[in-house]
PDB file of all heavy atoms in Angstrom:
ATOM      1  N   LEU A   1     -62.775  48.353 -14.072  1.00  0.00           N
ATOM      2  CA  LEU A   1     -63.170  49.733 -14.449  1.00  0.00           C
ATOM      3  C   LEU A   1     -62.235  50.788 -13.811  1.00  0.00           C
ATOM      4  O   LEU A   1     -61.901  51.801 -14.442  1.00  0.00           O
ATOM      5  CB  LEU A   1     -64.576  50.027 -13.950  1.00  0.00           C
ATOM      6  CG  LEU A   1     -65.706  49.189 -14.654  1.00  0.00           C
ATOM      7  CD1 LEU A   1     -67.081  49.545 -14.106  1.00  0.00           C
ATOM      8  CD2 LEU A   1     -65.671  49.374 -16.181  1.00  0.00           C
ATOM      9  N   PHE A   2     -61.780  50.512 -12.590  1.00  0.00           N
ATOM     10  CA  PHE A   2     -60.822  51.430 -11.961  1.00  0.00           C
ATOM     11  C   PHE A   2     -59.442  51.383 -12.757  1.00  0.00           C
ATOM     12  O   PHE A   2     -58.821  52.450 -13.000  1.00  0.00           O
ATOM     13  CB  PHE A   2     -60.526  51.027 -10.522  1.00  0.00           C
ATOM     14  CG  PHE A   2     -59.507  51.872  -9.843  1.00  0.00           C
ATOM     15  CD1 PHE A   2     -59.805  53.201  -9.422  1.00  0.00           C
ATOM     16  CD2 PHE A   2     -58.261  51.381  -9.644  1.00  0.00           C
ATOM     17  CE1 PHE A   2     -58.833  53.903  -8.761  1.00  0.00           C
ATOM     18  CE2 PHE A   2     -57.297  52.113  -9.047  1.00  0.00           C
ATOM     19  CZ  PHE A   2     -57.609  53.399  -8.578  1.00  0.00           C
ATOM     20  N   TRP A   3     -59.061  50.227 -13.097  1.00  0.00           N
ATOM     21  CA  TRP A   3     -57.778  50.074 -13.853  1.00  0.00           C
ATOM     22  C   TRP A   3     -57.901  50.802 -15.192  1.00  0.00           C
ATOM     23  O   TRP A   3     -56.919  51.542 -15.620  1.00  0.00           O
ATOM     24  CB  TRP A   3     -57.444  48.597 -14.100  1.00  0.00           C
ATOM     25  CG  TRP A   3     -56.187  48.283 -14.819  1.00  0.00           C
ATOM     26  CD1 TRP A   3     -55.127  49.175 -14.958  1.00  0.00           C
ATOM     27  CD2 TRP A   3     -55.921  47.153 -15.598  1.00  0.00           C
ATOM     28  NE1 TRP A   3     -54.162  48.519 -15.745  1.00  0.00           N
ATOM     29  CE2 TRP A   3     -54.583  47.335 -16.143  1.00  0.00           C
ATOM     30  CE3 TRP A   3     -56.615  45.960 -15.846  1.00  0.00           C
ATOM     31  CZ2 TRP A   3     -53.977  46.335 -16.885  1.00  0.00           C
ATOM     32  CZ3 TRP A   3     -56.006  45.037 -16.649  1.00  0.00           C
ATOM     33  CH2 TRP A   3     -54.648  45.197 -17.186  1.00  0.00           C
ATOM     34  N   ARG A   4     -59.026  50.675 -15.918  1.00  0.00           N
ATOM     35  CA  ARG A   4     -59.136  51.303 -17.221  1.00  0.00           C
ATOM     36  C   ARG A   4     -59.173  52.849 -17.057  1.00  0.00           C
ATOM     37  O   ARG A   4     -58.656  53.547 -17.866  1.00  0.00           O
ATOM     38  CB  ARG A   4     -60.457  50.861 -17.877  1.00  0.00           C
ATOM     39  CG  ARG A   4     -60.648  51.428 -19.277  1.00  0.00           C
ATOM     40  CD  ARG A   4     -59.556  51.034 -20.209  1.00  0.00           C
ATOM     41  NE  ARG A   4     -59.716  51.642 -21.523  1.00  0.00           N
ATOM     42  CZ  ARG A   4     -59.253  52.855 -21.956  1.00  0.00           C
ATOM     43  NH1 ARG A   4     -58.606  53.554 -21.000  1.00  0.00           N
ATOM     44  NH2 ARG A   4     -59.446  53.223 -23.135  1.00  0.00           N
ATOM     45  N   GLY A   5     -59.866  53.305 -16.011  1.00  0.00           N
ATOM     46  CA  GLY A   5     -59.877  54.726 -15.696  1.00  0.00           C
ATOM     47  C   GLY A   5     -58.516  55.290 -15.431  1.00  0.00           C
ATOM     48  O   GLY A   5     -58.114  56.377 -15.817  1.00  0.00           O
ATOM     49  N   LEU A   6     -57.691  54.572 -14.685  1.00  0.00           N
ATOM     50  CA  LEU A   6     -56.312  54.981 -14.364  1.00  0.00           C
ATOM     51  C   LEU A   6     -55.479  54.997 -15.607  1.00  0.00           C
ATOM     52  O   LEU A   6     -54.633  56.005 -15.755  1.00  0.00           O
ATOM     53  CB  LEU A   6     -55.699  53.982 -13.276  1.00  0.00           C
ATOM     54  CG  LEU A   6     -54.464  54.358 -12.700  1.00  0.00           C
ATOM     55  CD1 LEU A   6     -54.546  55.670 -11.953  1.00  0.00           C
ATOM     56  CD2 LEU A   6     -53.871  53.264 -11.782  1.00  0.00           C
ATOM     57  N   LEU A   7     -55.653  54.037 -16.510  1.00  0.00           N
ATOM     58  CA  LEU A   7     -54.792  54.074 -17.754  1.00  0.00           C
ATOM     59  C   LEU A   7     -55.277  55.284 -18.556  1.00  0.00           C
ATOM     60  O   LEU A   7     -54.430  55.968 -19.228  1.00  0.00           O
ATOM     61  CB  LEU A   7     -55.189  52.805 -18.581  1.00  0.00           C
ATOM     62  CG  LEU A   7     -54.634  51.484 -17.983  1.00  0.00           C
ATOM     63  CD1 LEU A   7     -55.067  50.371 -18.891  1.00  0.00           C
ATOM     64  CD2 LEU A   7     -53.093  51.526 -17.836  1.00  0.00           C
ATOM     65  N   ALA A   8     -56.585  55.624 -18.633  1.00  0.00           N
ATOM     66  CA  ALA A   8     -57.014  56.791 -19.376  1.00  0.00           C
ATOM     67  C   ALA A   8     -56.474  58.128 -18.753  1.00  0.00           C
ATOM     68  O   ALA A   8     -56.023  59.024 -19.388  1.00  0.00           O
ATOM     69  CB  ALA A   8     -58.552  56.852 -19.458  1.00  0.00           C
ATOM     70  N   TRP A   9     -56.476  58.184 -17.398  1.00  0.00           N
ATOM     71  CA  TRP A   9     -56.066  59.371 -16.711  1.00  0.00           C
ATOM     72  C   TRP A   9     -54.620  59.658 -16.892  1.00  0.00           C
ATOM     73  O   TRP A   9     -54.124  60.770 -17.059  1.00  0.00           O
ATOM     74  CB  TRP A   9     -56.406  59.262 -15.202  1.00  0.00           C
ATOM     75  CG  TRP A   9     -56.037  60.426 -14.335  1.00  0.00           C
ATOM     76  CD1 TRP A   9     -54.831  60.645 -13.667  1.00  0.00           C
ATOM     77  CD2 TRP A   9     -56.826  61.604 -14.174  1.00  0.00           C
ATOM     78  NE1 TRP A   9     -54.882  61.866 -13.047  1.00  0.00           N
ATOM     79  CE2 TRP A   9     -56.104  62.459 -13.372  1.00  0.00           C
ATOM     80  CE3 TRP A   9     -58.074  61.935 -14.666  1.00  0.00           C
ATOM     81  CZ2 TRP A   9     -56.584  63.670 -12.906  1.00  0.00           C
ATOM     82  CZ3 TRP A   9     -58.514  63.244 -14.182  1.00  0.00           C
ATOM     83  CH2 TRP A   9     -57.821  64.033 -13.351  1.00  0.00           C
ATOM     84  N   GLN A  10     -53.768  58.564 -16.837  1.00  0.00           N
ATOM     85  CA  GLN A  10     -52.307  58.669 -16.972  1.00  0.00           C
ATOM     86  C   GLN A  10     -51.896  58.664 -18.470  1.00  0.00           C
ATOM     87  O   GLN A  10     -50.613  58.787 -18.723  1.00  0.00           O
ATOM     88  CB  GLN A  10     -51.615  57.601 -16.157  1.00  0.00           C
ATOM     89  CG  GLN A  10     -51.940  57.666 -14.693  1.00  0.00           C
ATOM     90  CD  GLN A  10     -51.312  56.504 -13.945  1.00  0.00           C
ATOM     91  OE1 GLN A  10     -50.849  55.506 -14.503  1.00  0.00           O
ATOM     92  NE2 GLN A  10     -51.280  56.619 -12.582  1.00  0.00           N
ATOM     93  N   GLY A  11     -52.778  58.404 -19.370  1.00  0.00           N
ATOM     94  CA  GLY A  11     -52.394  58.305 -20.820  1.00  0.00           C
ATOM     95  C   GLY A  11     -51.506  57.119 -21.123  1.00  0.00           C
ATOM     96  O   GLY A  11     -50.703  57.206 -22.086  1.00  0.00           O
ATOM     97  N   ARG A  12     -51.641  56.033 -20.434  1.00  0.00           N
ATOM     98  CA  ARG A  12     -50.841  54.882 -20.663  1.00  0.00           C
ATOM     99  C   ARG A  12     -51.557  53.912 -21.640  1.00  0.00           C
ATOM    100  O   ARG A  12     -52.719  53.949 -21.850  1.00  0.00           O
ATOM    101  CB  ARG A  12     -50.531  54.126 -19.291  1.00  0.00           C
ATOM    102  CG  ARG A  12     -49.855  54.990 -18.288  1.00  0.00           C
ATOM    103  CD  ARG A  12     -49.772  54.376 -16.948  1.00  0.00           C
ATOM    104  NE  ARG A  12     -49.177  53.004 -17.008  1.00  0.00           N
ATOM    105  CZ  ARG A  12     -49.135  52.223 -15.954  1.00  0.00           C
ATOM    106  NH1 ARG A  12     -49.673  52.566 -14.835  1.00  0.00           N
ATOM    107  NH2 ARG A  12     -48.530  50.995 -16.032  1.00  0.00           N
ATOM    108  N   PRO A  13     -50.765  53.061 -22.358  1.00  0.00           N
ATOM    109  CA  PRO A  13     -51.314  52.255 -23.352  1.00  0.00           C
ATOM    110  C   PRO A  13     -52.191  51.102 -22.690  1.00  0.00           C
ATOM    111  O   PRO A  13     -52.102  50.702 -21.500  1.00  0.00           O
ATOM    112  CB  PRO A  13     -50.072  51.583 -24.021  1.00  0.00           C
ATOM    113  CG  PRO A  13     -49.033  51.705 -23.006  1.00  0.00           C
ATOM    114  CD  PRO A  13     -49.243  52.966 -22.327  1.00  0.00           C
ATOM    115  N   LEU A  14     -53.049  50.559 -23.530  1.00  0.00           N
ATOM    116  CA  LEU A  14     -54.010  49.491 -23.114  1.00  0.00           C
ATOM    117  C   LEU A  14     -53.177  48.144 -23.039  1.00  0.00           C
ATOM    118  O   LEU A  14     -52.156  48.011 -23.727  1.00  0.00           O
ATOM    119  CB  LEU A  14     -55.154  49.371 -24.003  1.00  0.00           C
ATOM    120  CG  LEU A  14     -56.063  50.585 -24.107  1.00  0.00           C
ATOM    121  CD1 LEU A  14     -57.173  50.303 -25.147  1.00  0.00           C
ATOM    122  CD2 LEU A  14     -56.686  50.918 -22.806  1.00  0.00           C
ATOM    123  N   PRO A  15     -53.679  47.230 -22.207  1.00  0.00           N
ATOM    124  CA  PRO A  15     -52.931  45.925 -22.078  1.00  0.00           C
ATOM    125  C   PRO A  15     -53.082  45.137 -23.389  1.00  0.00           C
ATOM    126  O   PRO A  15     -53.931  45.345 -24.247  1.00  0.00           O
ATOM    127  CB  PRO A  15     -53.681  45.221 -20.978  1.00  0.00           C
ATOM    128  CG  PRO A  15     -55.043  45.809 -20.888  1.00  0.00           C
ATOM    129  CD  PRO A  15     -54.824  47.312 -21.329  1.00  0.00           C
ATOM    130  N   GLY A  16     -52.120  44.216 -23.587  1.00  0.00           N
ATOM    131  CA  GLY A  16     -52.110  43.372 -24.757  1.00  0.00           C
ATOM    132  C   GLY A  16     -53.144  42.220 -24.672  1.00  0.00           C
ATOM    133  O   GLY A  16     -54.036  42.155 -23.887  1.00  0.00           O
ATOM    134  N   ARG A  17     -52.976  41.290 -25.658  1.00  0.00           N
ATOM    135  CA  ARG A  17     -53.973  40.239 -25.781  1.00  0.00           C
ATOM    136  C   ARG A  17     -53.889  39.215 -24.631  1.00  0.00           C
ATOM    137  O   ARG A  17     -54.915  38.742 -24.148  1.00  0.00           O
ATOM    138  CB  ARG A  17     -53.734  39.560 -27.107  1.00  0.00           C
ATOM    139  CG  ARG A  17     -54.650  38.325 -27.393  1.00  0.00           C
ATOM    140  CD  ARG A  17     -54.454  37.743 -28.700  1.00  0.00           C
ATOM    141  NE  ARG A  17     -54.693  38.832 -29.736  1.00  0.00           N
ATOM    142  CZ  ARG A  17     -54.394  38.552 -31.121  1.00  0.00           C
ATOM    143  NH1 ARG A  17     -54.018  37.367 -31.451  1.00  0.00           N
ATOM    144  NH2 ARG A  17     -54.754  39.528 -31.918  1.00  0.00           N
ATOM    145  N   TRP A  18     -52.677  38.855 -24.157  1.00  0.00           N
ATOM    146  CA  TRP A  18     -52.577  37.752 -23.184  1.00  0.00           C
ATOM    147  C   TRP A  18     -53.188  38.179 -21.847  1.00  0.00           C
ATOM    148  O   TRP A  18     -53.894  37.288 -21.279  1.00  0.00           O
ATOM    149  CB  TRP A  18     -51.063  37.424 -22.980  1.00  0.00           C
ATOM    150  CG  TRP A  18     -50.508  36.731 -24.210  1.00  0.00           C
ATOM    151  CD1 TRP A  18     -49.574  37.234 -25.065  1.00  0.00           C
ATOM    152  CD2 TRP A  18     -50.790  35.466 -24.649  1.00  0.00           C
ATOM    153  NE1 TRP A  18     -49.375  36.375 -26.046  1.00  0.00           N
ATOM    154  CE2 TRP A  18     -50.101  35.281 -25.867  1.00  0.00           C
ATOM    155  CE3 TRP A  18     -51.676  34.389 -24.178  1.00  0.00           C
ATOM    156  CZ2 TRP A  18     -50.189  34.065 -26.560  1.00  0.00           C
ATOM    157  CZ3 TRP A  18     -51.791  33.259 -24.892  1.00  0.00           C
ATOM    158  CH2 TRP A  18     -51.016  33.071 -26.070  1.00  0.00           C
ATOM    159  N   PRO A  19     -53.051  39.318 -21.295  1.00  0.00           N
ATOM    160  CA  PRO A  19     -53.820  39.640 -20.054  1.00  0.00           C
ATOM    161  C   PRO A  19     -55.304  39.517 -20.278  1.00  0.00           C
ATOM    162  O   PRO A  19     -56.015  39.016 -19.297  1.00  0.00           O
ATOM    163  CB  PRO A  19     -53.376  41.149 -19.724  1.00  0.00           C
ATOM    164  CG  PRO A  19     -52.108  41.270 -20.413  1.00  0.00           C
ATOM    165  CD  PRO A  19     -52.151  40.521 -21.676  1.00  0.00           C
ATOM    166  N   LEU A  20     -55.869  39.973 -21.403  1.00  0.00           N
ATOM    167  CA  LEU A  20     -57.265  39.806 -21.640  1.00  0.00           C
ATOM    168  C   LEU A  20     -57.709  38.292 -21.694  1.00  0.00           C
ATOM    169  O   LEU A  20     -58.703  37.935 -21.187  1.00  0.00           O
ATOM    170  CB  LEU A  20     -57.614  40.493 -22.942  1.00  0.00           C
ATOM    171  CG  LEU A  20     -57.576  42.050 -22.910  1.00  0.00           C
ATOM    172  CD1 LEU A  20     -57.914  42.596 -24.292  1.00  0.00           C
ATOM    173  CD2 LEU A  20     -58.431  42.608 -21.832  1.00  0.00           C
ATOM    174  N   LEU A  21     -56.890  37.516 -22.373  1.00  0.00           N
ATOM    175  CA  LEU A  21     -57.204  36.008 -22.462  1.00  0.00           C
ATOM    176  C   LEU A  21     -57.177  35.439 -21.037  1.00  0.00           C
ATOM    177  O   LEU A  21     -58.024  34.579 -20.737  1.00  0.00           O
ATOM    178  CB  LEU A  21     -56.196  35.372 -23.368  1.00  0.00           C
ATOM    179  CG  LEU A  21     -56.392  35.657 -24.884  1.00  0.00           C
ATOM    180  CD1 LEU A  21     -55.228  34.957 -25.670  1.00  0.00           C
ATOM    181  CD2 LEU A  21     -57.731  35.305 -25.368  1.00  0.00           C
ATOM    182  N   LEU A  22     -56.309  35.841 -20.228  1.00  0.00           N
ATOM    183  CA  LEU A  22     -56.209  35.319 -18.842  1.00  0.00           C
ATOM    184  C   LEU A  22     -57.436  35.805 -18.043  1.00  0.00           C
ATOM    185  O   LEU A  22     -58.021  34.985 -17.323  1.00  0.00           O
ATOM    186  CB  LEU A  22     -54.959  35.848 -18.162  1.00  0.00           C
ATOM    187  CG  LEU A  22     -54.720  35.423 -16.701  1.00  0.00           C
ATOM    188  CD1 LEU A  22     -54.616  33.898 -16.573  1.00  0.00           C
ATOM    189  CD2 LEU A  22     -53.548  36.106 -16.086  1.00  0.00           C
ATOM    190  N   LEU A  23     -57.916  37.015 -18.247  1.00  0.00           N
ATOM    191  CA  LEU A  23     -59.106  37.543 -17.541  1.00  0.00           C
ATOM    192  C   LEU A  23     -60.337  36.724 -18.089  1.00  0.00           C
ATOM    193  O   LEU A  23     -61.208  36.322 -17.214  1.00  0.00           O
ATOM    194  CB  LEU A  23     -59.282  38.953 -17.829  1.00  0.00           C
ATOM    195  CG  LEU A  23     -58.556  39.921 -16.970  1.00  0.00           C
ATOM    196  CD1 LEU A  23     -58.783  41.397 -17.383  1.00  0.00           C
ATOM    197  CD2 LEU A  23     -59.050  39.818 -15.434  1.00  0.00           C
ATOM    198  N   ILE A  24     -60.422  36.398 -19.343  1.00  0.00           N
ATOM    199  CA  ILE A  24     -61.545  35.658 -19.867  1.00  0.00           C
ATOM    200  C   ILE A  24     -61.588  34.305 -19.328  1.00  0.00           C
ATOM    201  O   ILE A  24     -62.605  33.759 -18.886  1.00  0.00           O
ATOM    202  CB  ILE A  24     -61.532  35.610 -21.406  1.00  0.00           C
ATOM    203  CG1 ILE A  24     -61.736  37.043 -21.988  1.00  0.00           C
ATOM    204  CG2 ILE A  24     -62.594  34.710 -21.955  1.00  0.00           C
ATOM    205  CD1 ILE A  24     -61.556  37.143 -23.495  1.00  0.00           C
ATOM    206  N   ALA A  25     -60.442  33.592 -19.312  1.00  0.00           N
ATOM    207  CA  ALA A  25     -60.369  32.240 -18.775  1.00  0.00           C
ATOM    208  C   ALA A  25     -60.687  32.283 -17.252  1.00  0.00           C
ATOM    209  O   ALA A  25     -61.416  31.348 -16.780  1.00  0.00           O
ATOM    210  CB  ALA A  25     -58.983  31.665 -18.925  1.00  0.00           C
ATOM    211  N   THR A  26     -60.211  33.229 -16.534  1.00  0.00           N
ATOM    212  CA  THR A  26     -60.539  33.318 -15.081  1.00  0.00           C
ATOM    213  C   THR A  26     -62.024  33.476 -14.891  1.00  0.00           C
ATOM    214  O   THR A  26     -62.659  32.887 -14.026  1.00  0.00           O
ATOM    215  CB  THR A  26     -59.755  34.518 -14.461  1.00  0.00           C
ATOM    216  OG1 THR A  26     -58.361  34.259 -14.653  1.00  0.00           O
ATOM    217  CG2 THR A  26     -60.063  34.590 -12.923  1.00  0.00           C
ATOM    218  N   THR A  27     -62.601  34.382 -15.708  1.00  0.00           N
ATOM    219  CA  THR A  27     -64.080  34.652 -15.562  1.00  0.00           C
ATOM    220  C   THR A  27     -64.890  33.429 -15.849  1.00  0.00           C
ATOM    221  O   THR A  27     -65.843  33.065 -15.121  1.00  0.00           O
ATOM    222  CB  THR A  27     -64.493  35.818 -16.489  1.00  0.00           C
ATOM    223  OG1 THR A  27     -63.773  37.010 -16.128  1.00  0.00           O
ATOM    224  CG2 THR A  27     -65.948  36.018 -16.433  1.00  0.00           C
ATOM    225  N   ALA A  28     -64.507  32.703 -16.987  1.00  0.00           N
ATOM    226  CA  ALA A  28     -65.297  31.481 -17.257  1.00  0.00           C
ATOM    227  C   ALA A  28     -65.115  30.446 -16.163  1.00  0.00           C
ATOM    228  O   ALA A  28     -66.060  29.793 -15.824  1.00  0.00           O
ATOM    229  CB  ALA A  28     -64.790  30.929 -18.623  1.00  0.00           C
ATOM    230  N   GLY A  29     -63.927  30.322 -15.668  1.00  0.00           N
ATOM    231  CA  GLY A  29     -63.728  29.333 -14.608  1.00  0.00           C
ATOM    232  C   GLY A  29     -64.512  29.633 -13.306  1.00  0.00           C
ATOM    233  O   GLY A  29     -65.170  28.749 -12.770  1.00  0.00           O
ATOM    234  N   LEU A  30     -64.441  30.869 -12.892  1.00  0.00           N
ATOM    235  CA  LEU A  30     -65.231  31.259 -11.700  1.00  0.00           C
ATOM    236  C   LEU A  30     -66.664  31.187 -11.897  1.00  0.00           C
ATOM    237  O   LEU A  30     -67.471  30.710 -10.989  1.00  0.00           O
ATOM    238  CB  LEU A  30     -64.819  32.749 -11.281  1.00  0.00           C
ATOM    239  CG  LEU A  30     -63.396  32.931 -10.783  1.00  0.00           C
ATOM    240  CD1 LEU A  30     -63.100  34.340 -10.546  1.00  0.00           C
ATOM    241  CD2 LEU A  30     -63.223  32.095  -9.508  1.00  0.00           C
ATOM    242  N   THR A  31     -67.172  31.488 -13.142  1.00  0.00           N
ATOM    243  CA  THR A  31     -68.581  31.355 -13.330  1.00  0.00           C
ATOM    244  C   THR A  31     -69.025  29.923 -13.356  1.00  0.00           C
ATOM    245  O   THR A  31     -70.042  29.522 -12.742  1.00  0.00           O
ATOM    246  CB  THR A  31     -68.903  31.952 -14.705  1.00  0.00           C
ATOM    247  OG1 THR A  31     -68.532  33.328 -14.775  1.00  0.00           O
ATOM    248  CG2 THR A  31     -70.419  31.808 -15.024  1.00  0.00           C
ATOM    249  N   LEU A  32     -68.237  29.043 -13.906  1.00  0.00           N
ATOM    250  CA  LEU A  32     -68.544  27.591 -13.876  1.00  0.00           C
ATOM    251  C   LEU A  32     -68.488  27.021 -12.543  1.00  0.00           C
ATOM    252  O   LEU A  32     -69.272  26.225 -12.103  1.00  0.00           O
ATOM    253  CB  LEU A  32     -67.522  26.878 -14.829  1.00  0.00           C
ATOM    254  CG  LEU A  32     -67.820  25.382 -15.093  1.00  0.00           C
ATOM    255  CD1 LEU A  32     -69.216  25.247 -15.785  1.00  0.00           C
ATOM    256  CD2 LEU A  32     -66.752  24.816 -15.980  1.00  0.00           C
ATOM    257  N   LEU A  33     -67.524  27.559 -11.692  1.00  0.00           N
ATOM    258  CA  LEU A  33     -67.357  27.063 -10.286  1.00  0.00           C
ATOM    259  C   LEU A  33     -68.573  27.547  -9.475  1.00  0.00           C
ATOM    260  O   LEU A  33     -69.011  26.837  -8.597  1.00  0.00           O
ATOM    261  CB  LEU A  33     -66.034  27.590  -9.776  1.00  0.00           C
ATOM    262  CG  LEU A  33     -65.711  27.081  -8.319  1.00  0.00           C
ATOM    263  CD1 LEU A  33     -65.516  25.602  -8.346  1.00  0.00           C
ATOM    264  CD2 LEU A  33     -64.447  27.807  -7.811  1.00  0.00           C
TER     265      LEU A  33
END
């Protein structure tokens, strides 16, 4: 949420697909663990 707010404040573009896929895989792995 802080990262997304910083991007909006600075007017920078949103991340691409690969960072999001990495976050999803990390979340699923930590949840399973």
